[in-house]
N, C-alpha and C. Protein backbone atom coordinates (compact mmCIF):
# COMPACT_ATOMS: atom_id res chain seq x y z
N MET A 1 5.21 -20.45 -42.15
CA MET A 1 5.63 -19.61 -43.22
C MET A 1 5.72 -18.17 -42.70
N ASN A 2 4.68 -17.69 -41.95
CA ASN A 2 4.76 -16.29 -41.41
C ASN A 2 5.92 -16.11 -40.56
N LEU A 3 6.28 -17.06 -39.66
CA LEU A 3 7.48 -16.92 -38.84
C LEU A 3 8.69 -16.91 -39.57
N TYR A 4 8.76 -17.67 -40.64
CA TYR A 4 9.92 -17.69 -41.56
C TYR A 4 10.07 -16.27 -42.08
N PHE A 5 9.01 -15.64 -42.66
CA PHE A 5 9.05 -14.31 -43.24
C PHE A 5 9.52 -13.37 -42.18
N GLN A 6 8.97 -13.40 -40.95
CA GLN A 6 9.40 -12.34 -39.88
C GLN A 6 10.85 -12.52 -39.61
N THR A 7 11.36 -13.77 -39.49
CA THR A 7 12.73 -14.09 -39.17
C THR A 7 13.68 -13.51 -40.26
N THR A 8 13.20 -13.74 -41.50
CA THR A 8 14.05 -13.37 -42.72
C THR A 8 14.03 -11.74 -42.69
N GLN A 9 12.87 -11.20 -42.46
CA GLN A 9 12.77 -9.74 -42.50
C GLN A 9 13.60 -9.15 -41.43
N LYS A 10 13.78 -9.71 -40.16
CA LYS A 10 14.61 -9.23 -39.13
C LYS A 10 16.04 -9.38 -39.47
N SER A 11 16.37 -10.47 -40.10
CA SER A 11 17.79 -10.72 -40.39
C SER A 11 18.19 -9.74 -41.54
N LEU A 12 17.29 -9.47 -42.48
CA LEU A 12 17.71 -8.52 -43.51
C LEU A 12 17.86 -7.08 -42.94
N LEU A 13 17.01 -6.76 -41.99
CA LEU A 13 17.08 -5.42 -41.30
C LEU A 13 18.34 -5.30 -40.48
N PHE A 14 18.77 -6.34 -39.79
CA PHE A 14 19.98 -6.36 -39.03
C PHE A 14 21.19 -6.29 -39.97
N SER A 15 21.22 -7.02 -41.05
CA SER A 15 22.22 -6.92 -41.95
C SER A 15 22.49 -5.54 -42.59
N THR A 16 21.33 -5.01 -42.90
CA THR A 16 21.41 -3.64 -43.56
C THR A 16 21.94 -2.64 -42.57
N LEU A 17 21.47 -2.63 -41.29
CA LEU A 17 21.95 -1.70 -40.25
C LEU A 17 23.47 -2.00 -39.90
N LEU A 18 23.82 -3.23 -39.90
CA LEU A 18 25.27 -3.49 -39.71
C LEU A 18 26.20 -2.97 -40.84
N CYS A 19 25.77 -3.16 -42.07
CA CYS A 19 26.48 -2.63 -43.25
C CYS A 19 26.55 -1.08 -43.21
N LEU A 20 25.47 -0.45 -42.93
CA LEU A 20 25.43 1.04 -42.89
C LEU A 20 26.37 1.51 -41.78
N SER A 21 26.35 0.87 -40.58
CA SER A 21 27.24 1.36 -39.58
C SER A 21 28.65 1.10 -39.87
N VAL A 22 29.03 -0.01 -40.63
CA VAL A 22 30.42 -0.22 -40.91
C VAL A 22 30.78 0.81 -41.94
N LEU A 23 30.04 1.06 -42.96
CA LEU A 23 30.34 2.11 -44.04
C LEU A 23 30.54 3.41 -43.42
N SER A 24 29.60 3.84 -42.53
CA SER A 24 29.75 5.13 -41.88
C SER A 24 31.02 5.26 -41.08
N CYS A 25 31.41 4.18 -40.44
CA CYS A 25 32.71 4.20 -39.69
C CYS A 25 33.91 4.24 -40.60
N ASN A 26 33.87 3.81 -41.77
CA ASN A 26 35.00 3.74 -42.67
C ASN A 26 35.26 5.10 -43.31
N GLN A 27 34.29 5.92 -43.28
CA GLN A 27 34.45 7.29 -43.91
C GLN A 27 35.17 8.22 -43.01
N GLY A 28 35.90 9.12 -43.54
CA GLY A 28 36.72 10.04 -42.79
C GLY A 28 38.12 9.59 -42.62
N ASP A 29 38.93 10.40 -41.71
CA ASP A 29 40.25 9.90 -41.66
C ASP A 29 40.48 8.66 -40.84
N ASN A 30 41.67 8.11 -41.03
CA ASN A 30 42.02 6.81 -40.34
C ASN A 30 42.22 6.98 -38.86
N ASN A 31 42.46 8.20 -38.40
CA ASN A 31 42.74 8.36 -36.95
C ASN A 31 41.47 8.62 -36.08
N SER A 32 40.36 8.69 -36.80
CA SER A 32 39.05 9.03 -36.10
C SER A 32 38.60 7.72 -35.24
N LYS A 33 38.02 7.95 -34.10
CA LYS A 33 37.64 6.89 -33.26
C LYS A 33 36.31 6.34 -33.75
N PHE A 34 36.09 5.10 -33.59
CA PHE A 34 34.85 4.48 -33.99
C PHE A 34 33.78 4.77 -32.85
N GLU A 35 32.55 5.06 -33.31
CA GLU A 35 31.42 5.25 -32.34
C GLU A 35 30.84 3.81 -32.17
N GLU A 36 30.48 3.55 -30.93
CA GLU A 36 29.74 2.26 -30.63
C GLU A 36 28.40 2.39 -31.06
N VAL A 37 27.95 1.38 -31.76
CA VAL A 37 26.51 1.39 -32.27
C VAL A 37 25.90 0.18 -31.52
N GLU A 38 24.80 0.54 -30.83
CA GLU A 38 23.99 -0.48 -30.12
C GLU A 38 22.71 -0.73 -30.88
N LEU A 39 22.54 -1.95 -31.24
CA LEU A 39 21.24 -2.24 -31.96
C LEU A 39 20.32 -2.85 -30.90
N VAL A 40 19.24 -2.30 -30.81
CA VAL A 40 18.18 -2.72 -29.76
C VAL A 40 16.91 -3.00 -30.48
N GLU A 41 16.48 -4.26 -30.24
CA GLU A 41 15.24 -4.65 -30.84
C GLU A 41 14.05 -3.98 -30.14
N LYS A 42 13.20 -3.36 -30.83
CA LYS A 42 12.02 -2.64 -30.37
C LYS A 42 11.01 -3.62 -29.79
N VAL A 43 10.58 -3.47 -28.60
CA VAL A 43 9.64 -4.34 -27.95
C VAL A 43 8.25 -3.66 -28.08
N GLU A 44 7.29 -4.26 -28.65
CA GLU A 44 6.01 -3.67 -28.89
C GLU A 44 4.94 -4.31 -28.16
N VAL A 45 3.85 -3.54 -27.89
CA VAL A 45 2.74 -4.06 -27.16
C VAL A 45 1.96 -4.95 -28.18
N LEU A 46 1.69 -6.25 -27.79
CA LEU A 46 0.96 -7.08 -28.59
C LEU A 46 -0.61 -7.08 -28.28
N ASP A 47 -0.79 -6.96 -26.94
CA ASP A 47 -2.25 -7.02 -26.52
C ASP A 47 -2.41 -6.53 -25.11
N ASN A 48 -3.56 -5.92 -24.97
CA ASN A 48 -3.95 -5.62 -23.58
C ASN A 48 -4.66 -6.84 -22.99
N ILE A 49 -4.35 -7.11 -21.76
CA ILE A 49 -4.90 -8.31 -21.12
C ILE A 49 -5.95 -7.86 -20.09
N SER A 50 -7.04 -8.54 -20.13
CA SER A 50 -8.10 -8.28 -19.19
C SER A 50 -7.82 -8.95 -17.87
N TYR A 51 -8.31 -8.39 -16.70
CA TYR A 51 -8.12 -8.88 -15.48
C TYR A 51 -9.30 -8.45 -14.62
N GLU A 52 -9.35 -9.14 -13.42
CA GLU A 52 -10.35 -8.78 -12.39
C GLU A 52 -9.71 -8.46 -11.09
N ILE A 53 -10.16 -7.53 -10.48
CA ILE A 53 -9.60 -7.20 -9.18
C ILE A 53 -10.56 -8.01 -8.12
N ALA A 54 -9.82 -8.71 -7.27
CA ALA A 54 -10.46 -9.56 -6.23
C ALA A 54 -10.43 -8.74 -4.90
N ASP A 55 -11.59 -8.12 -4.62
CA ASP A 55 -11.73 -7.43 -3.38
C ASP A 55 -11.95 -8.37 -2.21
N HIS A 56 -12.01 -7.89 -0.99
CA HIS A 56 -12.26 -8.56 0.18
C HIS A 56 -11.13 -9.52 0.58
N TYR A 57 -9.96 -9.28 0.25
CA TYR A 57 -8.85 -10.06 0.72
C TYR A 57 -7.91 -9.12 1.57
N PHE A 58 -7.16 -9.65 2.44
CA PHE A 58 -6.23 -8.88 3.19
C PHE A 58 -4.91 -9.69 3.32
N SER A 59 -3.81 -8.97 3.47
CA SER A 59 -2.50 -9.67 3.54
C SER A 59 -2.39 -10.12 4.98
N LYS A 60 -1.98 -11.42 5.16
CA LYS A 60 -1.78 -12.06 6.46
C LYS A 60 -0.41 -11.64 7.12
N ASN A 61 0.51 -11.43 6.25
CA ASN A 61 1.91 -11.20 6.76
C ASN A 61 2.16 -9.67 6.93
N ASN A 62 3.00 -9.29 7.94
CA ASN A 62 3.59 -7.95 7.99
C ASN A 62 4.73 -7.89 7.08
N VAL A 63 4.71 -7.03 6.08
CA VAL A 63 5.80 -6.97 5.06
C VAL A 63 6.58 -5.80 5.38
N ASP A 64 7.90 -5.86 5.37
CA ASP A 64 8.81 -4.75 5.72
C ASP A 64 9.11 -3.84 4.54
N LYS A 65 8.77 -4.34 3.26
CA LYS A 65 9.01 -3.62 2.11
C LYS A 65 7.89 -3.93 1.17
N ASN A 66 8.04 -3.20 -0.01
CA ASN A 66 7.01 -3.52 -1.06
C ASN A 66 7.20 -4.94 -1.51
N LEU A 67 6.16 -5.65 -1.74
CA LEU A 67 6.20 -7.06 -2.14
C LEU A 67 5.35 -7.22 -3.38
N VAL A 68 5.87 -7.75 -4.41
CA VAL A 68 4.98 -8.01 -5.65
C VAL A 68 5.26 -9.55 -5.98
N MET A 69 4.27 -10.26 -6.34
CA MET A 69 4.41 -11.65 -6.64
C MET A 69 3.34 -12.06 -7.52
N LYS A 70 3.72 -13.26 -8.34
CA LYS A 70 2.71 -13.94 -9.12
C LYS A 70 2.48 -15.18 -8.21
N ILE A 71 1.16 -15.51 -8.01
CA ILE A 71 0.73 -16.61 -7.16
C ILE A 71 -0.01 -17.60 -8.06
N GLU A 72 0.41 -18.84 -8.13
CA GLU A 72 -0.27 -19.77 -9.14
C GLU A 72 -0.97 -20.91 -8.42
N THR A 73 -0.95 -20.98 -7.04
CA THR A 73 -1.61 -22.02 -6.36
C THR A 73 -2.40 -21.52 -5.21
N MET A 74 -3.60 -22.20 -4.84
CA MET A 74 -4.44 -21.87 -3.89
C MET A 74 -3.71 -21.96 -2.49
N GLU A 75 -2.79 -22.86 -2.28
CA GLU A 75 -1.92 -23.06 -1.15
C GLU A 75 -1.13 -21.85 -0.83
N LYS A 76 -0.38 -21.34 -1.79
CA LYS A 76 0.46 -20.16 -1.70
C LYS A 76 -0.42 -18.89 -1.43
N PHE A 77 -1.53 -18.79 -2.09
CA PHE A 77 -2.49 -17.77 -1.87
C PHE A 77 -2.97 -17.76 -0.48
N ASN A 78 -3.33 -18.90 0.07
CA ASN A 78 -3.90 -19.02 1.47
C ASN A 78 -2.86 -18.71 2.47
N GLU A 79 -1.54 -18.90 2.16
CA GLU A 79 -0.44 -18.62 3.10
C GLU A 79 -0.31 -16.95 3.19
N THR A 80 -0.61 -16.41 2.12
CA THR A 80 -0.44 -14.95 2.04
C THR A 80 -1.60 -14.04 2.40
N PHE A 81 -2.78 -14.55 1.99
CA PHE A 81 -4.03 -13.75 2.07
C PHE A 81 -5.13 -14.50 2.87
N GLY A 82 -5.91 -13.60 3.54
CA GLY A 82 -7.16 -14.09 4.14
C GLY A 82 -8.34 -13.35 3.63
N MET A 83 -9.55 -13.85 3.83
CA MET A 83 -10.66 -13.27 3.33
C MET A 83 -11.29 -12.40 4.35
N ALA A 84 -11.62 -11.14 3.88
CA ALA A 84 -12.22 -10.15 4.89
C ALA A 84 -13.65 -10.25 4.78
N THR A 85 -14.31 -10.30 5.98
CA THR A 85 -15.83 -10.31 6.04
C THR A 85 -16.33 -8.94 5.99
N VAL A 86 -17.49 -8.79 5.18
CA VAL A 86 -18.09 -7.43 4.93
C VAL A 86 -19.50 -7.71 5.46
N MET A 87 -19.92 -6.75 6.37
CA MET A 87 -21.23 -6.82 6.86
C MET A 87 -22.28 -6.69 5.87
N GLY A 88 -23.25 -7.60 5.82
CA GLY A 88 -24.28 -7.54 4.94
C GLY A 88 -24.05 -8.21 3.54
N MET A 89 -22.78 -8.75 3.30
CA MET A 89 -22.33 -9.30 2.02
C MET A 89 -22.07 -10.79 2.22
N ASP A 90 -22.34 -11.62 1.30
CA ASP A 90 -22.01 -12.95 1.25
C ASP A 90 -20.53 -13.02 0.64
N THR A 91 -19.49 -13.05 1.40
CA THR A 91 -18.19 -13.04 0.77
C THR A 91 -17.66 -14.35 0.18
N THR A 92 -18.57 -15.41 0.32
CA THR A 92 -18.12 -16.60 -0.34
C THR A 92 -18.24 -16.60 -1.90
N ASN A 93 -18.76 -15.47 -2.37
CA ASN A 93 -18.85 -15.36 -3.81
C ASN A 93 -17.56 -14.88 -4.50
N PHE A 94 -16.40 -14.85 -3.71
CA PHE A 94 -15.21 -14.33 -4.21
C PHE A 94 -14.14 -15.34 -4.38
N PRO A 95 -14.36 -16.58 -4.70
CA PRO A 95 -13.35 -17.60 -4.87
C PRO A 95 -12.50 -17.31 -6.08
N ILE A 96 -11.21 -17.84 -5.97
CA ILE A 96 -10.41 -17.76 -7.21
C ILE A 96 -10.13 -19.13 -7.69
N ASP A 97 -10.35 -19.41 -8.90
CA ASP A 97 -10.20 -20.74 -9.53
C ASP A 97 -8.72 -20.82 -10.12
N PHE A 98 -7.77 -21.43 -9.32
CA PHE A 98 -6.38 -21.50 -9.74
C PHE A 98 -6.14 -22.47 -10.91
N SER A 99 -7.21 -23.28 -11.27
CA SER A 99 -6.98 -24.25 -12.37
C SER A 99 -7.00 -23.49 -13.66
N SER A 100 -7.68 -22.26 -13.67
CA SER A 100 -7.65 -21.58 -14.93
C SER A 100 -7.14 -20.03 -14.75
N ASN A 101 -6.72 -19.69 -13.56
CA ASN A 101 -6.36 -18.38 -13.26
C ASN A 101 -5.07 -18.32 -12.48
N TYR A 102 -4.38 -17.22 -12.41
CA TYR A 102 -3.38 -16.94 -11.46
C TYR A 102 -3.51 -15.49 -10.87
N VAL A 103 -2.72 -15.13 -9.87
CA VAL A 103 -2.97 -13.88 -9.18
C VAL A 103 -1.64 -13.16 -9.23
N LEU A 104 -1.88 -11.84 -9.46
CA LEU A 104 -0.81 -10.84 -9.29
C LEU A 104 -1.10 -10.07 -8.02
N ALA A 105 -0.15 -9.99 -7.14
CA ALA A 105 -0.36 -9.38 -5.84
C ALA A 105 0.65 -8.33 -5.56
N VAL A 106 0.22 -7.25 -5.03
CA VAL A 106 1.08 -6.15 -4.67
C VAL A 106 0.69 -5.84 -3.23
N ILE A 107 1.70 -5.90 -2.33
CA ILE A 107 1.46 -5.72 -0.90
C ILE A 107 2.40 -4.66 -0.38
N LEU A 108 1.92 -3.62 0.32
CA LEU A 108 2.73 -2.56 0.84
C LEU A 108 3.02 -2.81 2.34
N PRO A 109 4.15 -2.37 2.81
CA PRO A 109 4.35 -2.43 4.25
C PRO A 109 3.24 -1.69 5.13
N GLU A 110 3.09 -2.21 6.34
CA GLU A 110 2.12 -1.61 7.29
C GLU A 110 2.59 -0.09 7.45
N ASN A 111 1.54 0.72 7.58
CA ASN A 111 1.84 2.19 7.60
C ASN A 111 0.61 2.93 8.23
N THR A 112 0.86 4.05 8.73
CA THR A 112 -0.16 4.91 9.32
C THR A 112 -0.78 5.82 8.26
N LEU A 113 -0.17 5.94 7.06
CA LEU A 113 -0.70 6.69 5.99
C LEU A 113 -1.71 5.83 5.20
N ALA A 114 -2.86 6.42 4.84
CA ALA A 114 -3.83 5.70 4.03
C ALA A 114 -3.36 5.58 2.59
N LYS A 115 -3.14 4.29 2.13
CA LYS A 115 -2.57 4.04 0.76
C LYS A 115 -3.54 3.21 0.00
N THR A 116 -3.64 3.48 -1.30
CA THR A 116 -4.44 2.69 -2.20
C THR A 116 -3.51 2.30 -3.44
N ILE A 117 -3.53 1.08 -3.83
CA ILE A 117 -2.75 0.61 -4.98
C ILE A 117 -3.83 0.60 -6.13
N VAL A 118 -3.44 1.33 -7.22
CA VAL A 118 -4.34 1.53 -8.33
C VAL A 118 -3.69 0.79 -9.55
N PRO A 119 -4.43 -0.27 -10.14
CA PRO A 119 -3.82 -0.91 -11.31
C PRO A 119 -4.06 0.08 -12.46
N GLN A 120 -3.03 0.00 -13.42
CA GLN A 120 -3.17 0.77 -14.62
C GLN A 120 -3.28 0.03 -15.92
N ASP A 121 -2.24 -0.74 -16.16
CA ASP A 121 -2.27 -1.59 -17.34
C ASP A 121 -1.73 -2.95 -17.21
N LEU A 122 -2.15 -3.90 -17.93
CA LEU A 122 -1.67 -5.30 -17.99
C LEU A 122 -1.52 -5.66 -19.46
N ILE A 123 -0.25 -5.61 -19.96
CA ILE A 123 -0.13 -5.76 -21.40
C ILE A 123 0.96 -6.86 -21.77
N LYS A 124 0.72 -7.53 -22.83
CA LYS A 124 1.64 -8.52 -23.27
C LYS A 124 2.48 -7.86 -24.32
N LYS A 125 3.81 -8.06 -24.14
CA LYS A 125 4.79 -7.40 -25.10
C LYS A 125 5.25 -8.39 -26.10
N SER A 126 5.89 -7.98 -27.16
CA SER A 126 6.33 -8.75 -28.25
C SER A 126 7.45 -9.72 -27.86
N ASP A 127 8.19 -9.33 -26.75
CA ASP A 127 9.30 -10.24 -26.26
C ASP A 127 8.80 -11.34 -25.30
N GLY A 128 7.44 -11.51 -25.22
CA GLY A 128 6.83 -12.51 -24.33
C GLY A 128 6.58 -12.21 -22.98
N ASN A 129 7.20 -11.06 -22.51
CA ASN A 129 6.90 -10.62 -21.12
C ASN A 129 5.51 -10.00 -20.99
N ILE A 130 4.97 -10.01 -19.75
CA ILE A 130 3.75 -9.32 -19.45
C ILE A 130 4.07 -8.20 -18.45
N GLU A 131 3.73 -6.93 -18.77
CA GLU A 131 3.94 -5.87 -17.89
C GLU A 131 2.70 -5.54 -17.17
N PHE A 132 2.76 -5.47 -15.77
CA PHE A 132 1.71 -4.98 -14.92
C PHE A 132 2.11 -3.57 -14.29
N THR A 133 1.50 -2.58 -14.71
CA THR A 133 1.81 -1.25 -14.12
C THR A 133 0.66 -0.77 -13.15
N TYR A 134 1.15 -0.18 -12.10
CA TYR A 134 0.30 0.24 -11.02
C TYR A 134 0.85 1.47 -10.42
N SER A 135 0.02 2.21 -9.65
CA SER A 135 0.61 3.38 -8.91
C SER A 135 0.01 3.32 -7.47
N ILE A 136 0.71 3.99 -6.60
CA ILE A 136 0.27 4.08 -5.25
C ILE A 136 -0.05 5.50 -4.82
N GLN A 137 -1.45 5.59 -4.41
CA GLN A 137 -1.98 6.88 -3.95
C GLN A 137 -1.98 6.93 -2.49
N THR A 138 -1.39 8.04 -1.92
CA THR A 138 -1.43 8.29 -0.47
C THR A 138 -2.32 9.37 -0.21
N THR A 139 -3.22 9.19 0.76
CA THR A 139 -4.24 10.28 1.01
C THR A 139 -4.02 10.93 2.33
N GLU A 140 -4.16 10.32 3.52
CA GLU A 140 -4.10 11.03 4.71
C GLU A 140 -3.51 10.17 5.87
N GLU A 141 -3.08 10.88 6.91
CA GLU A 141 -2.61 10.22 8.01
C GLU A 141 -3.81 9.52 8.79
N GLN A 142 -3.54 8.31 9.32
CA GLN A 142 -4.61 7.57 10.11
C GLN A 142 -4.05 7.47 11.57
N THR A 143 -5.06 7.19 12.45
CA THR A 143 -4.72 6.98 13.79
C THR A 143 -4.31 5.57 14.04
N PHE A 144 -4.31 4.78 12.99
CA PHE A 144 -4.03 3.33 13.12
C PHE A 144 -3.23 2.88 11.96
N SER A 145 -2.64 1.74 12.01
CA SER A 145 -1.80 1.21 10.94
C SER A 145 -2.60 0.25 10.10
N SER A 146 -2.34 0.31 8.77
CA SER A 146 -2.97 -0.61 7.85
C SER A 146 -1.97 -1.01 6.85
N GLN A 147 -2.36 -2.06 6.14
CA GLN A 147 -1.40 -2.63 5.03
C GLN A 147 -2.27 -2.81 3.73
N ALA A 148 -1.86 -1.87 2.86
CA ALA A 148 -2.61 -2.02 1.63
C ALA A 148 -2.23 -3.09 0.71
N CYS A 149 -3.06 -3.71 0.01
CA CYS A 149 -2.75 -4.80 -0.89
C CYS A 149 -3.71 -4.77 -2.05
N LEU A 150 -3.23 -5.31 -3.12
CA LEU A 150 -4.05 -5.43 -4.38
C LEU A 150 -3.88 -6.92 -4.82
N VAL A 151 -5.06 -7.43 -5.17
CA VAL A 151 -5.10 -8.78 -5.69
C VAL A 151 -5.76 -8.80 -7.12
N VAL A 152 -5.01 -9.17 -8.13
CA VAL A 152 -5.56 -9.09 -9.52
C VAL A 152 -5.60 -10.58 -9.98
N VAL A 153 -6.79 -10.95 -10.60
CA VAL A 153 -6.87 -12.29 -11.12
C VAL A 153 -6.81 -12.20 -12.62
N VAL A 154 -5.92 -13.05 -13.15
CA VAL A 154 -5.63 -13.14 -14.69
C VAL A 154 -5.79 -14.60 -15.19
N SER A 155 -6.35 -14.65 -16.30
CA SER A 155 -6.48 -15.97 -16.91
C SER A 155 -5.12 -16.51 -17.33
N LYS A 156 -4.97 -17.86 -17.12
CA LYS A 156 -3.75 -18.59 -17.52
C LYS A 156 -3.56 -18.53 -18.96
N LEU A 157 -4.61 -18.24 -19.75
CA LEU A 157 -4.45 -18.12 -21.18
C LEU A 157 -3.40 -17.03 -21.56
N ASN A 158 -3.22 -16.07 -20.63
CA ASN A 158 -2.30 -15.00 -20.69
C ASN A 158 -1.18 -15.17 -19.79
N ASP A 159 -0.48 -16.29 -19.83
CA ASP A 159 0.62 -16.47 -18.89
C ASP A 159 1.96 -16.15 -19.47
N GLY A 160 2.81 -15.88 -18.59
CA GLY A 160 4.21 -15.42 -19.01
C GLY A 160 4.98 -14.89 -17.85
N HIS A 161 6.20 -14.32 -18.12
CA HIS A 161 7.03 -13.73 -17.10
C HIS A 161 6.45 -12.32 -16.75
N ILE A 162 6.13 -12.04 -15.58
CA ILE A 162 5.48 -10.80 -15.19
C ILE A 162 6.51 -9.81 -14.65
N LEU A 163 6.49 -8.52 -15.31
CA LEU A 163 7.30 -7.46 -14.88
C LEU A 163 6.30 -6.47 -14.19
N PHE A 164 6.57 -6.26 -12.86
CA PHE A 164 5.77 -5.34 -12.05
C PHE A 164 6.42 -3.93 -12.18
N ILE A 165 5.66 -2.99 -12.52
CA ILE A 165 6.22 -1.61 -12.71
C ILE A 165 5.35 -0.65 -11.91
N ASP A 166 5.97 -0.05 -10.87
CA ASP A 166 5.32 1.02 -10.10
C ASP A 166 5.58 2.36 -10.73
N THR A 167 4.54 3.03 -11.19
CA THR A 167 4.59 4.31 -11.91
C THR A 167 4.34 5.53 -10.95
N THR A 168 4.40 5.26 -9.61
CA THR A 168 4.14 6.32 -8.66
C THR A 168 5.20 7.38 -8.81
N PRO A 169 4.93 8.64 -9.04
CA PRO A 169 5.91 9.79 -9.04
C PRO A 169 6.71 9.77 -7.81
N GLU A 170 8.10 9.97 -7.92
CA GLU A 170 8.87 10.24 -6.73
C GLU A 170 8.60 11.58 -6.11
N LYS A 171 8.65 11.60 -4.80
CA LYS A 171 8.41 12.94 -4.15
C LYS A 171 9.66 13.47 -3.53
């Protein structure tokens, strides 16, 4: 019933806007040009999605450009990432359960500049898409090359088409 009400409400709004645009175009002299009217459905934020950052992973591949991907299987994850060992820590405590989660990965190309990928938001939109926004912070020149990556674990309860959005300001 609620879906029927929303659909009816959208249809009524569309019909009203269409009638108003036709009436406004018919006013004035007959030689006037019609303005094109574009009706765009507003996409609203439905929900903020919680996620967990999985530390202690590194990218196995050298990437020539920025790479963003959704990874849904352990096999694909293991092709792309390895687990970094950290002295004094038991890194076996960082497994990812792909039966109930998927991973969002951002990998930058190898570089001598120290870079960090900072997650900002993960939101579900009313059009069914999920937007993951992040920015890249560059700090200093290094004497070695490194490849920054970000691994974000998300519950499959919040599944959908992922839109990766880099909000890093242009320089």
